[in-house]
Amino acid sequence: MYIISHMIDLGLLEGQKWPSPVYKNVAQLLGLCNRRVTNRDSLIELVQAVLAIPEDRIALVSISDCRDTYQVPYI
């Protein structure tokens, strides 16, 4: 389980950066202290799914939207 805020960056692929701080915040809310995220592969999968959320939706996305509409895993 990942619990420190900067650990969310381990979910980025090499050379990848956060498109905006909002994406990082959403990924932190969903991925940090999440008992289902037990290894780096699962963290990468979650972060990459968050990054796939459209920019016009990320600021107002709900947890249920993440799970049901955008198929973010481990929620």
PDB file of N, CA and C in Angstrom:
ATOM      1  N   MET A   1       0.848  -1.173   0.000  1.00  0.00           N
ATOM      2  CA  MET A   1       0.000   0.000   0.000  1.00  0.00           C
ATOM      3  C   MET A   1       0.897   1.240   0.000  1.00  0.00           C
ATOM      4  N   TYR A   2       0.486   2.213  -0.774  1.00  0.00           N
ATOM      5  CA  TYR A   2       1.238   3.451  -0.904  1.00  0.00           C
ATOM      6  C   TYR A   2       0.547   4.531  -0.082  1.00  0.00           C
ATOM      7  N   ILE A   3       1.294   5.209   0.795  1.00  0.00           N
ATOM      8  CA  ILE A   3       0.653   6.142   1.717  1.00  0.00           C
ATOM      9  C   ILE A   3       1.216   7.554   1.685  1.00  0.00           C
ATOM     10  N   ILE A   4       2.367   7.762   1.094  1.00  0.00           N
ATOM     11  CA  ILE A   4       3.000   9.081   1.060  1.00  0.00           C
ATOM     12  C   ILE A   4       2.634   9.748  -0.267  1.00  0.00           C
ATOM     13  N   SER A   5       2.267  11.012  -0.222  1.00  0.00           N
ATOM     14  CA  SER A   5       1.703  11.685  -1.395  1.00  0.00           C
ATOM     15  C   SER A   5       2.583  11.617  -2.637  1.00  0.00           C
ATOM     16  N   HIS A   6       3.879  11.746  -2.502  1.00  0.00           N
ATOM     17  CA  HIS A   6       4.725  11.724  -3.709  1.00  0.00           C
ATOM     18  C   HIS A   6       4.878  10.317  -4.293  1.00  0.00           C
ATOM     19  N   MET A   7       4.447   9.290  -3.562  1.00  0.00           N
ATOM     20  CA  MET A   7       4.540   7.920  -4.082  1.00  0.00           C
ATOM     21  C   MET A   7       3.611   7.695  -5.276  1.00  0.00           C
ATOM     22  N   ILE A   8       2.614   8.561  -5.445  1.00  0.00           N
ATOM     23  CA  ILE A   8       1.698   8.411  -6.573  1.00  0.00           C
ATOM     24  C   ILE A   8       2.457   8.551  -7.896  1.00  0.00           C
ATOM     25  N   ASP A   9       3.583   9.259  -7.866  1.00  0.00           N
ATOM     26  CA  ASP A   9       4.394   9.420  -9.079  1.00  0.00           C
ATOM     27  C   ASP A   9       4.955   8.089  -9.579  1.00  0.00           C
ATOM     28  N   LEU A  10       4.996   7.071  -8.736  1.00  0.00           N
ATOM     29  CA  LEU A  10       5.446   5.746  -9.175  1.00  0.00           C
ATOM     30  C   LEU A  10       4.482   5.129 -10.184  1.00  0.00           C
ATOM     31  N   GLY A  11       3.284   5.686 -10.302  1.00  0.00           N
ATOM     32  CA  GLY A  11       2.310   5.193 -11.269  1.00  0.00           C
ATOM     33  C   GLY A  11       2.478   5.787 -12.656  1.00  0.00           C
ATOM     34  N   LEU A  12       3.365   6.741 -12.790  1.00  0.00           N
ATOM     35  CA  LEU A  12       3.648   7.324 -14.102  1.00  0.00           C
ATOM     36  C   LEU A  12       4.635   6.436 -14.857  1.00  0.00           C
ATOM     37  N   LEU A  13       4.475   6.392 -16.158  1.00  0.00           N
ATOM     38  CA  LEU A  13       5.429   5.675 -16.999  1.00  0.00           C
ATOM     39  C   LEU A  13       6.667   6.537 -17.184  1.00  0.00           C
ATOM     40  N   GLU A  14       7.747   5.934 -17.592  1.00  0.00           N
ATOM     41  CA  GLU A  14       9.003   6.670 -17.752  1.00  0.00           C
ATOM     42  C   GLU A  14       8.827   7.839 -18.712  1.00  0.00           C
ATOM     43  N   GLY A  15       9.228   9.019 -18.268  1.00  0.00           N
ATOM     44  CA  GLY A  15       9.127  10.227 -19.071  1.00  0.00           C
ATOM     45  C   GLY A  15       7.758  10.883 -19.042  1.00  0.00           C
ATOM     46  N   GLN A  16       6.799  10.259 -18.406  1.00  0.00           N
ATOM     47  CA  GLN A  16       5.441  10.795 -18.352  1.00  0.00           C
ATOM     48  C   GLN A  16       5.329  11.838 -17.235  1.00  0.00           C
ATOM     49  N   LYS A  17       4.517  12.852 -17.468  1.00  0.00           N
ATOM     50  CA  LYS A  17       4.286  13.890 -16.465  1.00  0.00           C
ATOM     51  C   LYS A  17       2.786  14.064 -16.289  1.00  0.00           C
ATOM     52  N   TRP A  18       2.413  14.652 -15.164  1.00  0.00           N
ATOM     53  CA  TRP A  18       1.002  14.938 -14.906  1.00  0.00           C
ATOM     54  C   TRP A  18       0.545  16.063 -15.829  1.00  0.00           C
ATOM     55  N   PRO A  19      -0.575  15.891 -16.535  1.00  0.00           N
ATOM     56  CA  PRO A  19      -1.083  16.959 -17.404  1.00  0.00           C
ATOM     57  C   PRO A  19      -1.475  18.214 -16.622  1.00  0.00           C
ATOM     58  N   SER A  20      -1.944  18.013 -15.392  1.00  0.00           N
ATOM     59  CA  SER A  20      -2.285  19.131 -14.513  1.00  0.00           C
ATOM     60  C   SER A  20      -2.315  18.610 -13.079  1.00  0.00           C
ATOM     61  N   PRO A  21      -2.250  19.501 -12.107  1.00  0.00           N
ATOM     62  CA  PRO A  21      -2.309  19.063 -10.710  1.00  0.00           C
ATOM     63  C   PRO A  21      -3.614  18.339 -10.358  1.00  0.00           C
ATOM     64  N   VAL A  22      -4.673  18.631 -11.088  1.00  0.00           N
ATOM     65  CA  VAL A  22      -5.958  17.988 -10.801  1.00  0.00           C
ATOM     66  C   VAL A  22      -5.864  16.480 -11.024  1.00  0.00           C
ATOM     67  N   TYR A  23      -5.195  16.045 -12.080  1.00  0.00           N
ATOM     68  CA  TYR A  23      -5.024  14.615 -12.336  1.00  0.00           C
ATOM     69  C   TYR A  23      -4.277  13.944 -11.185  1.00  0.00           C
ATOM     70  N   LYS A  24      -3.243  14.602 -10.713  1.00  0.00           N
ATOM     71  CA  LYS A  24      -2.469  14.045  -9.608  1.00  0.00           C
ATOM     72  C   LYS A  24      -3.320  13.954  -8.350  1.00  0.00           C
ATOM     73  N   ASN A  25      -4.119  14.977  -8.084  1.00  0.00           N
ATOM     74  CA  ASN A  25      -4.985  14.965  -6.907  1.00  0.00           C
ATOM     75  C   ASN A  25      -5.999  13.828  -6.967  1.00  0.00           C
ATOM     76  N   VAL A  26      -6.606  13.622  -8.121  1.00  0.00           N
ATOM     77  CA  VAL A  26      -7.581  12.533  -8.271  1.00  0.00           C
ATOM     78  C   VAL A  26      -6.890  11.190  -8.069  1.00  0.00           C
ATOM     79  N   ALA A  27      -5.723  11.021  -8.673  1.00  0.00           N
ATOM     80  CA  ALA A  27      -4.988   9.763  -8.521  1.00  0.00           C
ATOM     81  C   ALA A  27      -4.598   9.539  -7.061  1.00  0.00           C
ATOM     82  N   GLN A  28      -4.199  10.591  -6.370  1.00  0.00           N
ATOM     83  CA  GLN A  28      -3.848  10.451  -4.953  1.00  0.00           C
ATOM     84  C   GLN A  28      -5.064  10.052  -4.128  1.00  0.00           C
ATOM     85  N   LEU A  29      -6.195  10.662  -4.384  1.00  0.00           N
ATOM     86  CA  LEU A  29      -7.410  10.335  -3.639  1.00  0.00           C
ATOM     87  C   LEU A  29      -7.821   8.876  -3.835  1.00  0.00           C
ATOM     88  N   LEU A  30      -7.646   8.378  -5.054  1.00  0.00           N
ATOM     89  CA  LEU A  30      -8.060   7.011  -5.356  1.00  0.00           C
ATOM     90  C   LEU A  30      -7.001   5.969  -5.027  1.00  0.00           C
ATOM     91  N   GLY A  31      -5.728   6.329  -5.137  1.00  0.00           N
ATOM     92  CA  GLY A  31      -4.677   5.332  -5.043  1.00  0.00           C
ATOM     93  C   GLY A  31      -3.958   5.233  -3.714  1.00  0.00           C
ATOM     94  N   LEU A  32      -3.813   6.342  -3.020  1.00  0.00           N
ATOM     95  CA  LEU A  32      -3.069   6.315  -1.761  1.00  0.00           C
ATOM     96  C   LEU A  32      -3.947   5.765  -0.636  1.00  0.00           C
ATOM     97  N   CYS A  33      -3.354   4.975   0.219  1.00  0.00           N
ATOM     98  CA  CYS A  33      -4.042   4.331   1.350  1.00  0.00           C
ATOM     99  C   CYS A  33      -5.171   3.423   0.870  1.00  0.00           C
ATOM    100  N   ASN A  34      -5.061   2.931  -0.341  1.00  0.00           N
ATOM    101  CA  ASN A  34      -6.052   2.023  -0.917  1.00  0.00           C
ATOM    102  C   ASN A  34      -5.544   0.599  -0.733  1.00  0.00           C
ATOM    103  N   ARG A  35      -6.244  -0.197   0.054  1.00  0.00           N
ATOM    104  CA  ARG A  35      -5.806  -1.570   0.336  1.00  0.00           C
ATOM    105  C   ARG A  35      -5.755  -2.460  -0.892  1.00  0.00           C
ATOM    106  N   ARG A  36      -6.455  -2.087  -1.937  1.00  0.00           N
ATOM    107  CA  ARG A  36      -6.449  -2.891  -3.166  1.00  0.00           C
ATOM    108  C   ARG A  36      -5.221  -2.625  -4.037  1.00  0.00           C
ATOM    109  N   VAL A  37      -4.564  -1.512  -3.804  1.00  0.00           N
ATOM    110  CA  VAL A  37      -3.358  -1.167  -4.557  1.00  0.00           C
ATOM    111  C   VAL A  37      -2.170  -1.681  -3.747  1.00  0.00           C
ATOM    112  N   THR A  38      -1.737  -2.888  -4.088  1.00  0.00           N
ATOM    113  CA  THR A  38      -0.739  -3.581  -3.274  1.00  0.00           C
ATOM    114  C   THR A  38       0.635  -3.667  -3.918  1.00  0.00           C
ATOM    115  N   ASN A  39       0.748  -3.289  -5.184  1.00  0.00           N
ATOM    116  CA  ASN A  39       2.050  -3.342  -5.850  1.00  0.00           C
ATOM    117  C   ASN A  39       2.116  -2.238  -6.905  1.00  0.00           C
ATOM    118  N   ARG A  40       3.292  -2.056  -7.447  1.00  0.00           N
ATOM    119  CA  ARG A  40       3.475  -0.960  -8.398  1.00  0.00           C
ATOM    120  C   ARG A  40       2.660  -1.166  -9.672  1.00  0.00           C
ATOM    121  N   ASP A  41       2.497  -2.417 -10.087  1.00  0.00           N
ATOM    122  CA  ASP A  41       1.700  -2.668 -11.295  1.00  0.00           C
ATOM    123  C   ASP A  41       0.268  -2.181 -11.124  1.00  0.00           C
ATOM    124  N   SER A  42      -0.322  -2.429  -9.962  1.00  0.00           N
ATOM    125  CA  SER A  42      -1.691  -1.969  -9.730  1.00  0.00           C
ATOM    126  C   SER A  42      -1.737  -0.445  -9.626  1.00  0.00           C
ATOM    127  N   LEU A  43      -0.704   0.164  -9.058  1.00  0.00           N
ATOM    128  CA  LEU A  43      -0.644   1.621  -8.987  1.00  0.00           C
ATOM    129  C   LEU A  43      -0.534   2.217 -10.386  1.00  0.00           C
ATOM    130  N   ILE A  44       0.293   1.637 -11.223  1.00  0.00           N
ATOM    131  CA  ILE A  44       0.435   2.098 -12.608  1.00  0.00           C
ATOM    132  C   ILE A  44      -0.898   1.977 -13.340  1.00  0.00           C
ATOM    133  N   GLU A  45      -1.571   0.865 -13.153  1.00  0.00           N
ATOM    134  CA  GLU A  45      -2.864   0.649 -13.817  1.00  0.00           C
ATOM    135  C   GLU A  45      -3.882   1.717 -13.398  1.00  0.00           C
ATOM    136  N   LEU A  46      -3.931   2.022 -12.118  1.00  0.00           N
ATOM    137  CA  LEU A  46      -4.853   3.036 -11.615  1.00  0.00           C
ATOM    138  C   LEU A  46      -4.495   4.418 -12.159  1.00  0.00           C
ATOM    139  N   VAL A  47      -3.234   4.788 -12.075  1.00  0.00           N
ATOM    140  CA  VAL A  47      -2.802   6.116 -12.528  1.00  0.00           C
ATOM    141  C   VAL A  47      -3.052   6.277 -14.026  1.00  0.00           C
ATOM    142  N   GLN A  48      -2.758   5.264 -14.810  1.00  0.00           N
ATOM    143  CA  GLN A  48      -2.963   5.366 -16.250  1.00  0.00           C
ATOM    144  C   GLN A  48      -4.446   5.499 -16.590  1.00  0.00           C
ATOM    145  N   ALA A  49      -5.311   4.851 -15.826  1.00  0.00           N
ATOM    146  CA  ALA A  49      -6.756   4.989 -16.036  1.00  0.00           C
ATOM    147  C   ALA A  49      -7.216   6.402 -15.684  1.00  0.00           C
ATOM    148  N   VAL A  50      -6.672   6.977 -14.622  1.00  0.00           N
ATOM    149  CA  VAL A  50      -7.007   8.360 -14.258  1.00  0.00           C
ATOM    150  C   VAL A  50      -6.546   9.304 -15.362  1.00  0.00           C
ATOM    151  N   LEU A  51      -5.368   9.082 -15.900  1.00  0.00           N
ATOM    152  CA  LEU A  51      -4.846   9.950 -16.966  1.00  0.00           C
ATOM    153  C   LEU A  51      -5.687   9.872 -18.238  1.00  0.00           C
ATOM    154  N   ALA A  52      -6.455   8.799 -18.400  1.00  0.00           N
ATOM    155  CA  ALA A  52      -7.302   8.642 -19.585  1.00  0.00           C
ATOM    156  C   ALA A  52      -8.627   9.401 -19.462  1.00  0.00           C
ATOM    157  N   ILE A  53      -8.930   9.928 -18.298  1.00  0.00           N
ATOM    158  CA  ILE A  53     -10.165  10.708 -18.118  1.00  0.00           C
ATOM    159  C   ILE A  53     -10.010  12.015 -18.897  1.00  0.00           C
ATOM    160  N   PRO A  54     -11.023  12.393 -19.665  1.00  0.00           N
ATOM    161  CA  PRO A  54     -10.910  13.628 -20.459  1.00  0.00           C
ATOM    162  C   PRO A  54     -10.676  14.858 -19.590  1.00  0.00           C
ATOM    163  N   GLU A  55      -9.910  15.781 -20.121  1.00  0.00           N
ATOM    164  CA  GLU A  55      -9.537  16.987 -19.389  1.00  0.00           C
ATOM    165  C   GLU A  55     -10.756  17.809 -18.975  1.00  0.00           C
ATOM    166  N   ASP A  56     -11.795  17.814 -19.799  1.00  0.00           N
ATOM    167  CA  ASP A  56     -12.984  18.595 -19.464  1.00  0.00           C
ATOM    168  C   ASP A  56     -13.841  17.946 -18.381  1.00  0.00           C
ATOM    169  N   ARG A  57     -13.503  16.718 -17.965  1.00  0.00           N
ATOM    170  CA  ARG A  57     -14.265  16.003 -16.929  1.00  0.00           C
ATOM    171  C   ARG A  57     -13.489  15.822 -15.630  1.00  0.00           C
ATOM    172  N   ILE A  58     -12.187  15.920 -15.669  1.00  0.00           N
ATOM    173  CA  ILE A  58     -11.371  15.534 -14.519  1.00  0.00           C
ATOM    174  C   ILE A  58     -11.651  16.389 -13.280  1.00  0.00           C
ATOM    175  N   ALA A  59     -11.924  17.657 -13.435  1.00  0.00           N
ATOM    176  CA  ALA A  59     -12.110  18.532 -12.271  1.00  0.00           C
ATOM    177  C   ALA A  59     -13.388  18.222 -11.495  1.00  0.00           C
ATOM    178  N   LEU A  60     -14.373  17.645 -12.161  1.00  0.00           N
ATOM    179  CA  LEU A  60     -15.663  17.381 -11.515  1.00  0.00           C
ATOM    180  C   LEU A  60     -16.009  15.896 -11.452  1.00  0.00           C
ATOM    181  N   VAL A  61     -15.052  15.039 -11.760  1.00  0.00           N
ATOM    182  CA  VAL A  61     -15.336  13.609 -11.810  1.00  0.00           C
ATOM    183  C   VAL A  61     -15.632  13.076 -10.406  1.00  0.00           C
ATOM    184  N   SER A  62     -16.607  12.184 -10.322  1.00  0.00           N
ATOM    185  CA  SER A  62     -16.949  11.562  -9.035  1.00  0.00           C
ATOM    186  C   SER A  62     -16.317  10.166  -8.965  1.00  0.00           C
ATOM    187  N   ILE A  63     -16.320   9.619  -7.779  1.00  0.00           N
ATOM    188  CA  ILE A  63     -15.771   8.264  -7.620  1.00  0.00           C
ATOM    189  C   ILE A  63     -16.574   7.277  -8.440  1.00  0.00           C
ATOM    190  N   SER A  64     -17.886   7.409  -8.439  1.00  0.00           N
ATOM    191  CA  SER A  64     -18.698   6.481  -9.228  1.00  0.00           C
ATOM    192  C   SER A  64     -18.453   6.656 -10.725  1.00  0.00           C
ATOM    193  N   ASP A  65     -18.205   7.890 -11.182  1.00  0.00           N
ATOM    194  CA  ASP A  65     -17.841   8.102 -12.587  1.00  0.00           C
ATOM    195  C   ASP A  65     -16.518   7.414 -12.906  1.00  0.00           C
ATOM    196  N   CYS A  66     -15.558   7.551 -11.996  1.00  0.00           N
ATOM    197  CA  CYS A  66     -14.257   6.908 -12.206  1.00  0.00           C
ATOM    198  C   CYS A  66     -14.432   5.403 -12.364  1.00  0.00           C
ATOM    199  N   ARG A  67     -15.239   4.831 -11.507  1.00  0.00           N
ATOM    200  CA  ARG A  67     -15.446   3.384 -11.524  1.00  0.00           C
ATOM    201  C   ARG A  67     -16.289   2.941 -12.714  1.00  0.00           C
ATOM    202  N   ASP A  68     -17.434   3.581 -12.921  1.00  0.00           N
ATOM    203  CA  ASP A  68     -18.404   3.089 -13.890  1.00  0.00           C
ATOM    204  C   ASP A  68     -18.184   3.595 -15.317  1.00  0.00           C
ATOM    205  N   THR A  69     -17.856   4.857 -15.466  1.00  0.00           N
ATOM    206  CA  THR A  69     -17.714   5.442 -16.799  1.00  0.00           C
ATOM    207  C   THR A  69     -16.303   5.271 -17.351  1.00  0.00           C
ATOM    208  N   TYR A  70     -15.297   5.476 -16.488  1.00  0.00           N
ATOM    209  CA  TYR A  70     -13.915   5.470 -16.960  1.00  0.00           C
ATOM    210  C   TYR A  70     -13.146   4.208 -16.566  1.00  0.00           C
ATOM    211  N   GLN A  71     -13.805   3.276 -15.927  1.00  0.00           N
ATOM    212  CA  GLN A  71     -13.225   1.976 -15.559  1.00  0.00           C
ATOM    213  C   GLN A  71     -11.886   2.081 -14.830  1.00  0.00           C
ATOM    214  N   VAL A  72     -11.783   3.028 -13.915  1.00  0.00           N
ATOM    215  CA  VAL A  72     -10.591   3.108 -13.077  1.00  0.00           C
ATOM    216  C   VAL A  72     -10.642   1.921 -12.120  1.00  0.00           C
ATOM    217  N   PRO A  73      -9.604   1.095 -12.095  1.00  0.00           N
ATOM    218  CA  PRO A  73      -9.625  -0.114 -11.258  1.00  0.00           C
ATOM    219  C   PRO A  73      -9.333   0.174  -9.783  1.00  0.00           C
ATOM    220  N   TYR A  74      -9.614  -0.821  -8.968  1.00  0.00           N
ATOM    221  CA  TYR A  74      -9.266  -0.833  -7.540  1.00  0.00           C
ATOM    222  C   TYR A  74     -10.034   0.183  -6.715  1.00  0.00           C
ATOM    223  N   ILE A  75     -11.231   0.532  -7.164  1.00  0.00           N
ATOM    224  CA  ILE A  75     -12.066   1.450  -6.387  1.00  0.00           C
ATOM    225  C   ILE A  75     -13.016   0.616  -5.557  1.00  0.00           C
TER     226      ILE A  75
END
